[in-house]
Amino acid sequence: IVSKYLAEHGIIIEKTGLYSFFIMFTIGITKGRWNSMVTELQQFKDDYDQNLPMWRVMPEFAAKNPRYEKVGLRDLCQRIHNMYRKYDVAKVTTEMYLSQIDTAMTPADAWAKMAHREIERVSIDDIEGRVTAMLVTPYPPGIPLMVPGERFNKTIINYLKFTRAFNSEFPGFETELMVPGERFNKTIINYLKFTRAFNSEFPGFETDVHGLVRETIDGEVKYFIDVVKE
């Protein structure tokens, strides 16, 4: 939310995390320029303390996502924080990079499977143990999570499910995810499920995962990943 707030006030954030962001200063930047950033951060704090409605503090964003127009800034921040706690995302996003990954084939072999169309699109609810045919990279942090030929584990799947839920709940704040031959373990699957839940709950704040495919079927948004055929 802070990153989007600053962007609407002319300050672009280089990278964002769950509760942090990174700002890059160029050589020779003046005190006056970086002081503008401090001023905007203080303004955000004031708007947060007053719980001003989104249409006042972020009018451009509210115009694109009218469901937030009358929501207070502090209330929205709290809702997103509550969802992070519900899915224990801080722990999941650490564990999914530390979780044991089973490599089923080389990235080159997985790429060959995709080139020969020996892949299939599977729901994130059914990908545990399956071999990814795509590169999976969540944003933030923008670090590849899986390469083709690895299997999905439960931790990663849980994160994907969180992403699904978050992007649905907070549109406009999406989490991105880029997804080639690793198997999906439970850790990764849990992350994917979080993504699904978050995106559903907060449209406009979606978590993006490149490689995670969103399709609307019978009016319902579903999440899929391309995996190697078994």
C-alpha atoms as a PDB file:
ATOM      1  CA  ILE A   1       0.000   0.000   0.000  1.00  0.00           C
ATOM      2  CA  VAL A   2       2.831   2.420   0.854  1.00  0.00           C
ATOM      3  CA  SER A   3       4.478   1.705  -2.514  1.00  0.00           C
ATOM      4  CA  LYS A   4       1.287   2.464  -4.405  1.00  0.00           C
ATOM      5  CA  TYR A   5       0.708   5.562  -2.283  1.00  0.00           C
ATOM      6  CA  LEU A   6       4.190   6.907  -3.034  1.00  0.00           C
ATOM      7  CA  ALA A   7       3.848   6.092  -6.742  1.00  0.00           C
ATOM      8  CA  GLU A   8       0.661   8.126  -6.881  1.00  0.00           C
ATOM      9  CA  HIS A   9       2.633  11.000  -5.358  1.00  0.00           C
ATOM     10  CA  GLY A  10       5.498  10.783  -7.848  1.00  0.00           C
ATOM     11  CA  ILE A  11       7.935   8.508  -5.980  1.00  0.00           C
ATOM     12  CA  ILE A  12       8.682   5.112  -7.520  1.00  0.00           C
ATOM     13  CA  ILE A  13       9.764   2.235  -5.277  1.00  0.00           C
ATOM     14  CA  GLU A  14      12.434  -0.102  -6.677  1.00  0.00           C
ATOM     15  CA  LYS A  15      11.350  -3.275  -4.848  1.00  0.00           C
ATOM     16  CA  THR A  16       8.731  -4.151  -2.266  1.00  0.00           C
ATOM     17  CA  GLY A  17       8.352  -6.865   0.364  1.00  0.00           C
ATOM     18  CA  LEU A  18       5.592  -7.786   2.789  1.00  0.00           C
ATOM     19  CA  TYR A  19       6.539  -5.069   5.281  1.00  0.00           C
ATOM     20  CA  SER A  20       9.463  -3.299   3.630  1.00  0.00           C
ATOM     21  CA  PHE A  21      10.486  -1.575   0.436  1.00  0.00           C
ATOM     22  CA  PHE A  22      13.721  -0.573  -1.277  1.00  0.00           C
ATOM     23  CA  ILE A  23      14.393   2.880  -2.713  1.00  0.00           C
ATOM     24  CA  MET A  24      17.382   3.444  -4.987  1.00  0.00           C
ATOM     25  CA  PHE A  25      19.108   6.831  -4.911  1.00  0.00           C
ATOM     26  CA  THR A  26      21.207   7.938  -7.876  1.00  0.00           C
ATOM     27  CA  ILE A  27      24.662   9.453  -7.431  1.00  0.00           C
ATOM     28  CA  GLY A  28      24.451  13.173  -6.793  1.00  0.00           C
ATOM     29  CA  ILE A  29      20.867  13.261  -5.518  1.00  0.00           C
ATOM     30  CA  THR A  30      20.263  16.402  -3.508  1.00  0.00           C
ATOM     31  CA  LYS A  31      18.944  16.721   0.016  1.00  0.00           C
ATOM     32  CA  GLY A  32      15.902  18.500  -1.358  1.00  0.00           C
ATOM     33  CA  ARG A  33      15.012  15.515  -3.563  1.00  0.00           C
ATOM     34  CA  TRP A  34      15.245  12.841  -0.881  1.00  0.00           C
ATOM     35  CA  ASN A  35      13.583  15.145   1.609  1.00  0.00           C
ATOM     36  CA  SER A  36      10.506  15.046  -0.646  1.00  0.00           C
ATOM     37  CA  MET A  37      10.320  11.305  -0.012  1.00  0.00           C
ATOM     38  CA  VAL A  38      10.501  11.825   3.753  1.00  0.00           C
ATOM     39  CA  THR A  39       7.709  14.393   3.478  1.00  0.00           C
ATOM     40  CA  GLU A  40       5.470  11.953   1.575  1.00  0.00           C
ATOM     41  CA  LEU A  41       6.165   9.190   4.093  1.00  0.00           C
ATOM     42  CA  GLN A  42       5.152  11.518   6.903  1.00  0.00           C
ATOM     43  CA  GLN A  43       2.014  12.430   4.959  1.00  0.00           C
ATOM     44  CA  PHE A  44       1.185   8.739   4.612  1.00  0.00           C
ATOM     45  CA  LYS A  45       1.573   8.354   8.392  1.00  0.00           C
ATOM     46  CA  ASP A  46      -0.757  11.313   8.987  1.00  0.00           C
ATOM     47  CA  ASP A  47      -3.355   9.947   6.544  1.00  0.00           C
ATOM     48  CA  TYR A  48      -3.058   6.519   8.185  1.00  0.00           C
ATOM     49  CA  ASP A  49      -3.549   7.936  11.689  1.00  0.00           C
ATOM     50  CA  GLN A  50      -6.653   9.813  10.525  1.00  0.00           C
ATOM     51  CA  ASN A  51      -7.903   6.731   8.646  1.00  0.00           C
ATOM     52  CA  LEU A  52      -8.794   8.917   5.667  1.00  0.00           C
ATOM     53  CA  PRO A  53     -10.828   7.252   2.890  1.00  0.00           C
ATOM     54  CA  MET A  54      -8.961   5.915  -0.114  1.00  0.00           C
ATOM     55  CA  TRP A  55     -10.690   8.302  -2.527  1.00  0.00           C
ATOM     56  CA  ARG A  56      -8.923  11.164  -0.741  1.00  0.00           C
ATOM     57  CA  VAL A  57      -5.441   9.729  -0.253  1.00  0.00           C
ATOM     58  CA  MET A  58      -5.145   7.656  -3.461  1.00  0.00           C
ATOM     59  CA  PRO A  59      -7.767   9.017  -5.890  1.00  0.00           C
ATOM     60  CA  GLU A  60      -6.262   7.434  -9.030  1.00  0.00           C
ATOM     61  CA  PHE A  61      -6.125   4.001  -7.453  1.00  0.00           C
ATOM     62  CA  ALA A  62      -9.626   4.358  -6.006  1.00  0.00           C
ATOM     63  CA  ALA A  63     -10.960   5.354  -9.429  1.00  0.00           C
ATOM     64  CA  LYS A  64      -9.562   2.128 -10.924  1.00  0.00           C
ATOM     65  CA  ASN A  65     -10.731   0.046  -7.950  1.00  0.00           C
ATOM     66  CA  PRO A  66     -13.993   1.636  -6.740  1.00  0.00           C
ATOM     67  CA  ARG A  67     -14.577  -1.040  -4.098  1.00  0.00           C
ATOM     68  CA  TYR A  68     -11.997   0.766  -1.940  1.00  0.00           C
ATOM     69  CA  GLU A  69     -13.305   4.322  -2.387  1.00  0.00           C
ATOM     70  CA  LYS A  70     -14.865   4.612   1.072  1.00  0.00           C
ATOM     71  CA  VAL A  71     -12.484   2.266   2.879  1.00  0.00           C
ATOM     72  CA  GLY A  72     -10.210   3.966   5.411  1.00  0.00           C
ATOM     73  CA  LEU A  73      -6.463   3.727   4.779  1.00  0.00           C
ATOM     74  CA  ARG A  74      -5.776   2.271   8.232  1.00  0.00           C
ATOM     75  CA  ASP A  75      -8.670  -0.169   7.895  1.00  0.00           C
ATOM     76  CA  LEU A  76      -7.345  -1.442   4.565  1.00  0.00           C
ATOM     77  CA  CYS A  77      -3.821  -1.854   5.937  1.00  0.00           C
ATOM     78  CA  GLN A  78      -5.229  -3.837   8.857  1.00  0.00           C
ATOM     79  CA  ARG A  79      -7.287  -6.091   6.585  1.00  0.00           C
ATOM     80  CA  ILE A  80      -4.238  -6.958   4.501  1.00  0.00           C
ATOM     81  CA  HIS A  81      -2.149  -7.537   7.642  1.00  0.00           C
ATOM     82  CA  ASN A  82      -4.857  -9.850   9.005  1.00  0.00           C
ATOM     83  CA  MET A  83      -4.714 -11.938   5.839  1.00  0.00           C
ATOM     84  CA  TYR A  84      -0.925 -12.160   6.047  1.00  0.00           C
ATOM     85  CA  ARG A  85      -1.314 -13.449   9.630  1.00  0.00           C
ATOM     86  CA  LYS A  86      -4.059 -15.894   8.690  1.00  0.00           C
ATOM     87  CA  TYR A  87      -1.819 -17.580   6.123  1.00  0.00           C
ATOM     88  CA  ASP A  88       1.396 -17.006   8.152  1.00  0.00           C
ATOM     89  CA  VAL A  89       2.888 -15.607   4.959  1.00  0.00           C
ATOM     90  CA  ALA A  90       6.094 -14.285   6.541  1.00  0.00           C
ATOM     91  CA  LYS A  91       6.952 -17.865   7.567  1.00  0.00           C
ATOM     92  CA  VAL A  92       5.729 -19.448   4.324  1.00  0.00           C
ATOM     93  CA  THR A  93       7.723 -17.103   2.090  1.00  0.00           C
ATOM     94  CA  THR A  94      10.881 -18.034   4.018  1.00  0.00           C
ATOM     95  CA  GLU A  95      10.218 -21.778   4.195  1.00  0.00           C
ATOM     96  CA  MET A  96       9.356 -22.136   0.521  1.00  0.00           C
ATOM     97  CA  TYR A  97      12.882 -21.037  -0.458  1.00  0.00           C
ATOM     98  CA  LEU A  98      14.417 -23.366   2.154  1.00  0.00           C
ATOM     99  CA  SER A  99      12.158 -26.364   1.481  1.00  0.00           C
ATOM    100  CA  GLN A 100      13.581 -29.539  -0.030  1.00  0.00           C
ATOM    101  CA  ILE A 101      13.096 -29.610  -3.800  1.00  0.00           C
ATOM    102  CA  ASP A 102      12.939 -32.873  -5.747  1.00  0.00           C
ATOM    103  CA  THR A 103      14.444 -32.485  -9.212  1.00  0.00           C
ATOM    104  CA  ALA A 104      12.706 -34.883 -11.583  1.00  0.00           C
ATOM    105  CA  MET A 105      14.541 -33.873 -14.778  1.00  0.00           C
ATOM    106  CA  THR A 106      16.905 -31.243 -16.115  1.00  0.00           C
ATOM    107  CA  PRO A 107      15.545 -27.843 -17.162  1.00  0.00           C
ATOM    108  CA  ALA A 108      16.536 -28.700 -20.739  1.00  0.00           C
ATOM    109  CA  ASP A 109      14.432 -31.888 -20.665  1.00  0.00           C
ATOM    110  CA  ALA A 110      11.488 -29.999 -19.176  1.00  0.00           C
ATOM    111  CA  TRP A 111      11.812 -27.323 -21.864  1.00  0.00           C
ATOM    112  CA  ALA A 112      11.832 -30.071 -24.516  1.00  0.00           C
ATOM    113  CA  LYS A 113       8.591 -31.436 -23.035  1.00  0.00           C
ATOM    114  CA  MET A 114       7.002 -28.022 -23.373  1.00  0.00           C
ATOM    115  CA  ALA A 115       8.350 -27.544 -26.912  1.00  0.00           C
ATOM    116  CA  HIS A 116       6.774 -30.869 -27.912  1.00  0.00           C
ATOM    117  CA  ARG A 117       3.543 -29.963 -26.085  1.00  0.00           C
ATOM    118  CA  GLU A 118       3.940 -32.818 -23.632  1.00  0.00           C
ATOM    119  CA  ILE A 119       2.494 -30.666 -20.859  1.00  0.00           C
ATOM    120  CA  GLU A 120      -0.908 -30.088 -19.320  1.00  0.00           C
ATOM    121  CA  ARG A 121      -2.560 -27.268 -17.376  1.00  0.00           C
ATOM    122  CA  VAL A 122      -3.440 -28.367 -13.840  1.00  0.00           C
ATOM    123  CA  SER A 123      -5.237 -26.570 -10.987  1.00  0.00           C
ATOM    124  CA  ILE A 124      -3.012 -25.548  -8.077  1.00  0.00           C
ATOM    125  CA  ASP A 125      -5.189 -27.774  -5.881  1.00  0.00           C
ATOM    126  CA  ASP A 126      -3.868 -30.822  -7.764  1.00  0.00           C
ATOM    127  CA  ILE A 127      -0.198 -30.056  -8.448  1.00  0.00           C
ATOM    128  CA  GLU A 128       1.542 -31.568  -5.413  1.00  0.00           C
ATOM    129  CA  GLY A 129       4.270 -33.886  -6.701  1.00  0.00           C
ATOM    130  CA  ARG A 130       3.841 -32.697 -10.281  1.00  0.00           C
ATOM    131  CA  VAL A 131       6.794 -31.449 -12.324  1.00  0.00           C
ATOM    132  CA  THR A 132       6.717 -27.823 -13.404  1.00  0.00           C
ATOM    133  CA  ALA A 133       7.249 -27.002 -17.062  1.00  0.00           C
ATOM    134  CA  MET A 134       7.556 -23.281 -16.342  1.00  0.00           C
ATOM    135  CA  LEU A 135       9.767 -20.955 -14.331  1.00  0.00           C
ATOM    136  CA  VAL A 136       7.987 -19.961 -11.102  1.00  0.00           C
ATOM    137  CA  THR A 137       8.918 -16.530  -9.741  1.00  0.00           C
ATOM    138  CA  PRO A 138       6.866 -14.592  -7.163  1.00  0.00           C
ATOM    139  CA  TYR A 139       6.874 -10.796  -7.036  1.00  0.00           C
ATOM    140  CA  PRO A 140       7.868  -9.759  -4.437  1.00  0.00           C
ATOM    141  CA  PRO A 141      10.690 -10.681  -4.029  1.00  0.00           C
ATOM    142  CA  GLY A 142      11.356 -11.447  -7.719  1.00  0.00           C
ATOM    143  CA  ILE A 143      13.653 -14.417  -7.006  1.00  0.00           C
ATOM    144  CA  PRO A 144      13.017 -17.650  -8.979  1.00  0.00           C
ATOM    145  CA  LEU A 145      11.322 -20.203  -6.748  1.00  0.00           C
ATOM    146  CA  MET A 146      11.324 -23.192  -9.099  1.00  0.00           C
ATOM    147  CA  VAL A 147      12.931 -24.013 -12.424  1.00  0.00           C
ATOM    148  CA  PRO A 148      11.539 -26.433 -15.020  1.00  0.00           C
ATOM    149  CA  GLY A 149      11.955 -30.053 -13.984  1.00  0.00           C
ATOM    150  CA  GLU A 150      11.327 -29.629 -10.239  1.00  0.00           C
ATOM    151  CA  ARG A 151       8.359 -30.926  -8.249  1.00  0.00           C
ATOM    152  CA  PHE A 152       5.893 -28.775  -6.317  1.00  0.00           C
ATOM    153  CA  ASN A 153       5.925 -29.318  -2.546  1.00  0.00           C
ATOM    154  CA  LYS A 154       3.238 -28.416  -0.010  1.00  0.00           C
ATOM    155  CA  THR A 155       4.887 -25.205   1.199  1.00  0.00           C
ATOM    156  CA  ILE A 156       5.056 -23.725  -2.276  1.00  0.00           C
ATOM    157  CA  ILE A 157       1.494 -24.804  -3.021  1.00  0.00           C
ATOM    158  CA  ASN A 158       0.285 -23.085   0.156  1.00  0.00           C
ATOM    159  CA  TYR A 159       1.934 -19.873  -1.012  1.00  0.00           C
ATOM    160  CA  LEU A 160       0.233 -20.145  -4.388  1.00  0.00           C
ATOM    161  CA  LYS A 161      -3.107 -20.596  -2.635  1.00  0.00           C
ATOM    162  CA  PHE A 162      -2.427 -17.490  -0.565  1.00  0.00           C
ATOM    163  CA  THR A 163      -1.653 -15.576  -3.755  1.00  0.00           C
ATOM    164  CA  ARG A 164      -4.958 -16.709  -5.196  1.00  0.00           C
ATOM    165  CA  ALA A 165      -6.881 -15.560  -2.132  1.00  0.00           C
ATOM    166  CA  PHE A 166      -5.008 -12.254  -1.793  1.00  0.00           C
ATOM    167  CA  ASN A 167      -5.391 -11.235  -5.430  1.00  0.00           C
ATOM    168  CA  SER A 168      -9.102 -11.980  -5.269  1.00  0.00           C
ATOM    169  CA  GLU A 169      -9.598  -9.990  -2.069  1.00  0.00           C
ATOM    170  CA  PHE A 170      -7.361  -7.027  -2.960  1.00  0.00           C
ATOM    171  CA  PRO A 171      -7.475  -6.307  -6.713  1.00  0.00           C
ATOM    172  CA  GLY A 172      -4.926  -3.637  -7.576  1.00  0.00           C
ATOM    173  CA  PHE A 173      -2.395  -5.031  -5.089  1.00  0.00           C
ATOM    174  CA  GLU A 174      -1.697  -8.286  -6.940  1.00  0.00           C
ATOM    175  CA  THR A 175       1.260 -10.512  -6.113  1.00  0.00           C
ATOM    176  CA  GLU A 176       3.036 -11.681  -9.266  1.00  0.00           C
ATOM    177  CA  LEU A 177       4.453 -15.151  -9.773  1.00  0.00           C
ATOM    178  CA  MET A 178       6.651 -16.349 -12.658  1.00  0.00           C
ATOM    179  CA  VAL A 179       6.641 -20.060 -13.104  1.00  0.00           C
ATOM    180  CA  PRO A 180      10.476 -24.841 -15.795  1.00  0.00           C
ATOM    181  CA  GLY A 181      11.371 -29.293 -14.508  1.00  0.00           C
ATOM    182  CA  GLU A 182      11.074 -29.129 -10.723  1.00  0.00           C
ATOM    183  CA  ARG A 183       8.391 -30.920  -8.739  1.00  0.00           C
ATOM    184  CA  PHE A 184       5.914 -28.931  -6.684  1.00  0.00           C
ATOM    185  CA  ASN A 185       6.286 -29.717  -2.969  1.00  0.00           C
ATOM    186  CA  LYS A 186       3.741 -28.899  -0.245  1.00  0.00           C
ATOM    187  CA  THR A 187       5.522 -25.739   0.828  1.00  0.00           C
ATOM    188  CA  ILE A 188       5.359 -24.251  -2.649  1.00  0.00           C
ATOM    189  CA  ILE A 189       1.782 -25.424  -3.144  1.00  0.00           C
ATOM    190  CA  ASN A 190       0.707 -23.730   0.098  1.00  0.00           C
ATOM    191  CA  TYR A 191       2.200 -20.471  -1.153  1.00  0.00           C
ATOM    192  CA  LEU A 192       0.312 -20.774  -4.431  1.00  0.00           C
ATOM    193  CA  LYS A 193      -2.924 -21.350  -2.529  1.00  0.00           C
ATOM    194  CA  PHE A 194      -2.250 -18.252  -0.436  1.00  0.00           C
ATOM    195  CA  THR A 195      -1.784 -16.285  -3.651  1.00  0.00           C
ATOM    196  CA  ARG A 196      -5.153 -17.475  -4.894  1.00  0.00           C
ATOM    197  CA  ALA A 197      -6.891 -16.582  -1.641  1.00  0.00           C
ATOM    198  CA  PHE A 198      -5.261 -13.152  -1.362  1.00  0.00           C
ATOM    199  CA  ASN A 199      -6.040 -12.180  -4.947  1.00  0.00           C
ATOM    200  CA  SER A 200      -9.654 -13.166  -4.414  1.00  0.00           C
ATOM    201  CA  GLU A 201      -9.945 -11.172  -1.199  1.00  0.00           C
ATOM    202  CA  PHE A 202      -8.125  -7.997  -2.269  1.00  0.00           C
ATOM    203  CA  PRO A 203      -8.516  -7.241  -5.995  1.00  0.00           C
ATOM    204  CA  GLY A 204      -6.273  -4.336  -6.955  1.00  0.00           C
ATOM    205  CA  PHE A 205      -3.519  -5.560  -4.625  1.00  0.00           C
ATOM    206  CA  GLU A 206      -2.980  -8.850  -6.444  1.00  0.00           C
ATOM    207  CA  THR A 207       0.084 -10.970  -5.801  1.00  0.00           C
ATOM    208  CA  ASP A 208       1.674 -11.711  -9.184  1.00  0.00           C
ATOM    209  CA  VAL A 209       3.322 -15.048  -9.865  1.00  0.00           C
ATOM    210  CA  HIS A 210       4.636 -15.344 -13.403  1.00  0.00           C
ATOM    211  CA  GLY A 211       3.791 -18.838 -14.598  1.00  0.00           C
ATOM    212  CA  LEU A 212       0.588 -18.971 -12.539  1.00  0.00           C
ATOM    213  CA  VAL A 213      -2.277 -18.825 -15.044  1.00  0.00           C
ATOM    214  CA  ARG A 214      -5.608 -17.230 -14.137  1.00  0.00           C
ATOM    215  CA  GLU A 215      -8.689 -18.306 -16.065  1.00  0.00           C
ATOM    216  CA  THR A 216     -12.328 -17.387 -15.498  1.00  0.00           C
ATOM    217  CA  ILE A 217     -14.571 -20.452 -15.733  1.00  0.00           C
ATOM    218  CA  ASP A 218     -18.324 -20.072 -15.221  1.00  0.00           C
ATOM    219  CA  GLY A 219     -17.735 -16.680 -13.615  1.00  0.00           C
ATOM    220  CA  GLU A 220     -15.171 -18.019 -11.122  1.00  0.00           C
ATOM    221  CA  VAL A 221     -11.453 -17.211 -11.311  1.00  0.00           C
ATOM    222  CA  LYS A 222      -9.354 -20.380 -11.174  1.00  0.00           C
ATOM    223  CA  TYR A 223      -5.571 -20.792 -10.988  1.00  0.00           C
ATOM    224  CA  PHE A 224      -3.525 -23.239 -13.047  1.00  0.00           C
ATOM    225  CA  ILE A 225       0.116 -24.101 -13.767  1.00  0.00           C
ATOM    226  CA  ASP A 226       1.541 -25.902 -16.789  1.00  0.00           C
ATOM    227  CA  VAL A 227       3.167 -29.182 -15.719  1.00  0.00           C
ATOM    228  CA  VAL A 228       4.836 -32.079 -17.509  1.00  0.00           C
ATOM    229  CA  LYS A 229       2.444 -34.838 -18.549  1.00  0.00           C
ATOM    230  CA  GLU A 230       2.827 -38.054 -16.571  1.00  0.00           C
END
